[in-house]
Amino acid sequence: MNTKIRQAFFVLLTFVGGFGLGLAAVEPYQVTINGQPSSLQVQQEKETLLVPLTIPVTEQSAVWTVSFQRNDQAHTVNITMSTPKKEPLRGYPDCYYCAGNGLCANDYPVGSGRNYSGITENTCNGTGRCYHCSGTGKLGL
């Protein structure tokens, strides 16, 4: 009798444990920044999503517009980051941060969205695009 109760307990424990693991395996949110996929990890706290972004401030005064679009059915977060561009006097110069190629120079390898340890490189928000020229290779566009 004692072994039957013990067996029933282990079967019930296995069922409840498996059910709990199934609930814990929630699909992570995919992040895109300005249409480019990012490897940023979204943290969820109850009904709120936390997205760690890096916003560069290269001048004494910088203005950025950041908008978020969350889709719970598709588990995606679309982020649009932009800054108003100024018209240059003599054309747009090549970006000297990325040598005009539009790839994030802080990544390893360049443009991968990862650092030398293989984790998300936060300077370019994991997109692999230069954040100074938005991946265009030209400053001011």
Protein backbone atom coordinates (compact mmCIF):
# COMPACT_ATOMS: atom_id res chain seq x y z
CA MET A 1 0.00 0.00 0.00
CA ASN A 2 2.81 2.38 0.93
CA THR A 3 4.59 1.79 -2.42
CA LYS A 4 1.42 2.57 -4.40
CA ILE A 5 1.06 5.90 -2.62
CA ARG A 6 4.73 6.62 -3.22
CA GLN A 7 4.39 5.75 -6.94
CA ALA A 8 1.28 7.93 -7.29
CA PHE A 9 3.11 10.78 -5.57
CA PHE A 10 6.08 10.54 -7.96
CA VAL A 11 3.78 10.39 -11.01
CA LEU A 12 1.88 13.46 -9.76
CA LEU A 13 5.15 15.26 -8.98
CA THR A 14 6.48 14.52 -12.49
CA PHE A 15 3.28 15.78 -14.08
CA VAL A 16 3.22 19.01 -12.05
CA GLY A 17 6.95 19.60 -12.65
CA GLY A 18 6.59 19.12 -16.39
CA PHE A 19 3.60 21.44 -16.49
CA GLY A 20 5.57 24.09 -14.59
CA LEU A 21 8.51 23.80 -17.00
CA GLY A 22 6.13 24.17 -19.94
CA LEU A 23 4.77 27.40 -18.49
CA ALA A 24 8.29 28.70 -17.85
CA ALA A 25 9.33 28.19 -21.49
CA VAL A 26 7.89 31.45 -22.85
CA GLU A 27 8.99 32.52 -26.31
CA PRO A 28 11.41 35.51 -26.06
CA TYR A 29 10.65 38.79 -27.79
CA GLN A 30 12.55 39.57 -31.02
CA VAL A 31 13.82 43.17 -31.29
CA THR A 32 14.30 45.17 -34.50
CA ILE A 33 15.87 48.63 -34.48
CA ASN A 34 15.22 50.79 -37.55
CA GLY A 35 14.27 47.66 -39.50
CA GLN A 36 17.46 45.77 -38.59
CA PRO A 37 17.25 42.68 -36.33
CA SER A 38 18.97 43.12 -33.00
CA SER A 39 20.28 40.59 -30.49
CA LEU A 40 19.14 42.63 -27.47
CA GLN A 41 17.52 40.57 -24.73
CA VAL A 42 14.13 41.88 -23.61
CA GLN A 43 13.31 41.47 -19.93
CA GLN A 44 9.69 41.07 -18.88
CA GLU A 45 8.40 42.30 -15.55
CA LYS A 46 4.68 41.45 -15.18
CA GLU A 47 3.01 43.34 -18.06
CA THR A 48 6.00 45.61 -18.76
CA LEU A 49 8.84 44.94 -21.21
CA LEU A 50 12.28 46.36 -20.44
CA VAL A 51 14.52 47.01 -23.47
CA PRO A 52 18.11 48.11 -22.71
CA LEU A 53 19.01 50.71 -25.36
CA THR A 54 22.19 52.68 -25.88
CA ILE A 55 21.66 56.20 -27.21
CA PRO A 56 24.84 57.98 -28.34
CA VAL A 57 25.39 61.62 -27.40
CA THR A 58 28.24 62.84 -29.58
CA GLU A 59 27.57 66.56 -29.44
CA GLN A 60 26.98 68.95 -26.59
CA SER A 61 23.26 68.90 -27.35
CA ALA A 62 21.54 65.94 -29.01
CA VAL A 63 17.88 65.31 -29.81
CA TRP A 64 16.61 61.77 -30.36
CA THR A 65 13.14 60.45 -31.14
CA VAL A 66 12.58 56.86 -30.00
CA SER A 67 9.32 55.00 -30.65
CA PHE A 68 8.37 51.48 -29.65
CA GLN A 69 5.82 49.18 -31.24
CA ARG A 70 5.03 46.04 -29.26
CA ASN A 71 3.25 43.03 -30.77
CA ASP A 72 2.37 40.43 -28.13
CA GLN A 73 0.97 37.88 -30.60
CA ALA A 74 4.15 37.80 -32.72
CA HIS A 75 6.47 38.43 -29.70
CA THR A 76 8.22 41.32 -31.43
CA VAL A 77 9.28 44.82 -30.42
CA ASN A 78 9.97 47.27 -33.26
CA ILE A 79 12.04 50.29 -32.27
CA THR A 80 12.55 53.39 -34.40
CA MET A 81 15.41 55.70 -33.37
CA SER A 82 16.03 58.91 -35.27
CA THR A 83 17.58 62.31 -34.85
CA PRO A 84 16.85 65.39 -36.95
CA LYS A 85 19.53 65.81 -39.60
CA LYS A 86 21.18 69.12 -40.42
CA GLU A 87 21.93 70.11 -43.99
CA PRO A 88 25.70 70.42 -44.48
CA LEU A 89 27.21 73.30 -46.36
CA ARG A 90 29.26 71.19 -48.83
CA GLY A 91 27.78 67.72 -49.02
CA TYR A 92 27.83 64.83 -46.62
CA PRO A 93 31.28 63.67 -45.42
CA ASP A 94 32.18 60.01 -44.98
CA CYS A 95 31.63 58.70 -41.47
CA TYR A 96 35.01 58.57 -39.76
CA TYR A 97 33.74 56.28 -36.98
CA CYS A 98 33.10 53.35 -39.34
CA ALA A 99 35.44 54.42 -42.17
CA GLY A 100 32.42 54.94 -44.43
CA ASN A 101 31.31 51.29 -44.55
CA GLY A 102 28.29 51.69 -42.22
CA LEU A 103 29.28 48.76 -39.97
CA CYS A 104 29.69 49.11 -36.21
CA ALA A 105 33.42 49.36 -35.53
CA ASN A 106 32.97 48.24 -31.89
CA ASP A 107 31.75 44.77 -32.94
CA TYR A 108 33.99 41.72 -33.32
CA PRO A 109 33.95 40.85 -36.12
CA VAL A 110 32.95 44.24 -37.45
CA GLY A 111 29.21 44.50 -38.12
CA SER A 112 28.26 41.27 -36.31
CA GLY A 113 26.35 42.86 -33.41
CA ARG A 114 28.52 40.92 -30.92
CA ASN A 115 31.67 41.78 -28.98
CA TYR A 116 34.86 39.71 -28.65
CA SER A 117 33.19 37.55 -25.95
CA GLY A 118 30.33 36.64 -28.27
CA ILE A 119 27.65 38.56 -26.34
CA THR A 120 25.51 41.47 -27.56
CA GLU A 121 27.55 44.60 -28.15
CA ASN A 122 25.51 47.43 -26.65
CA THR A 123 27.13 50.42 -28.36
CA CYS A 124 25.28 49.67 -31.60
CA ASN A 125 22.36 47.99 -29.76
CA GLY A 126 23.29 44.64 -31.29
CA THR A 127 22.33 45.67 -34.85
CA GLY A 128 25.84 45.72 -36.32
CA ARG A 129 25.22 49.13 -37.92
CA CYS A 130 27.23 52.25 -37.06
CA TYR A 131 25.14 54.40 -34.73
CA HIS A 132 26.82 57.66 -35.76
CA CYS A 133 25.75 57.46 -39.42
CA SER A 134 22.84 54.97 -38.97
CA GLY A 135 24.64 52.54 -41.28
CA THR A 136 24.71 54.88 -44.31
CA GLY A 137 28.46 55.58 -44.24
CA LYS A 138 27.79 59.33 -44.46
CA LEU A 139 27.57 61.74 -41.52
CA GLY A 140 24.51 63.95 -41.46
CA LEU A 141 22.16 61.86 -43.63
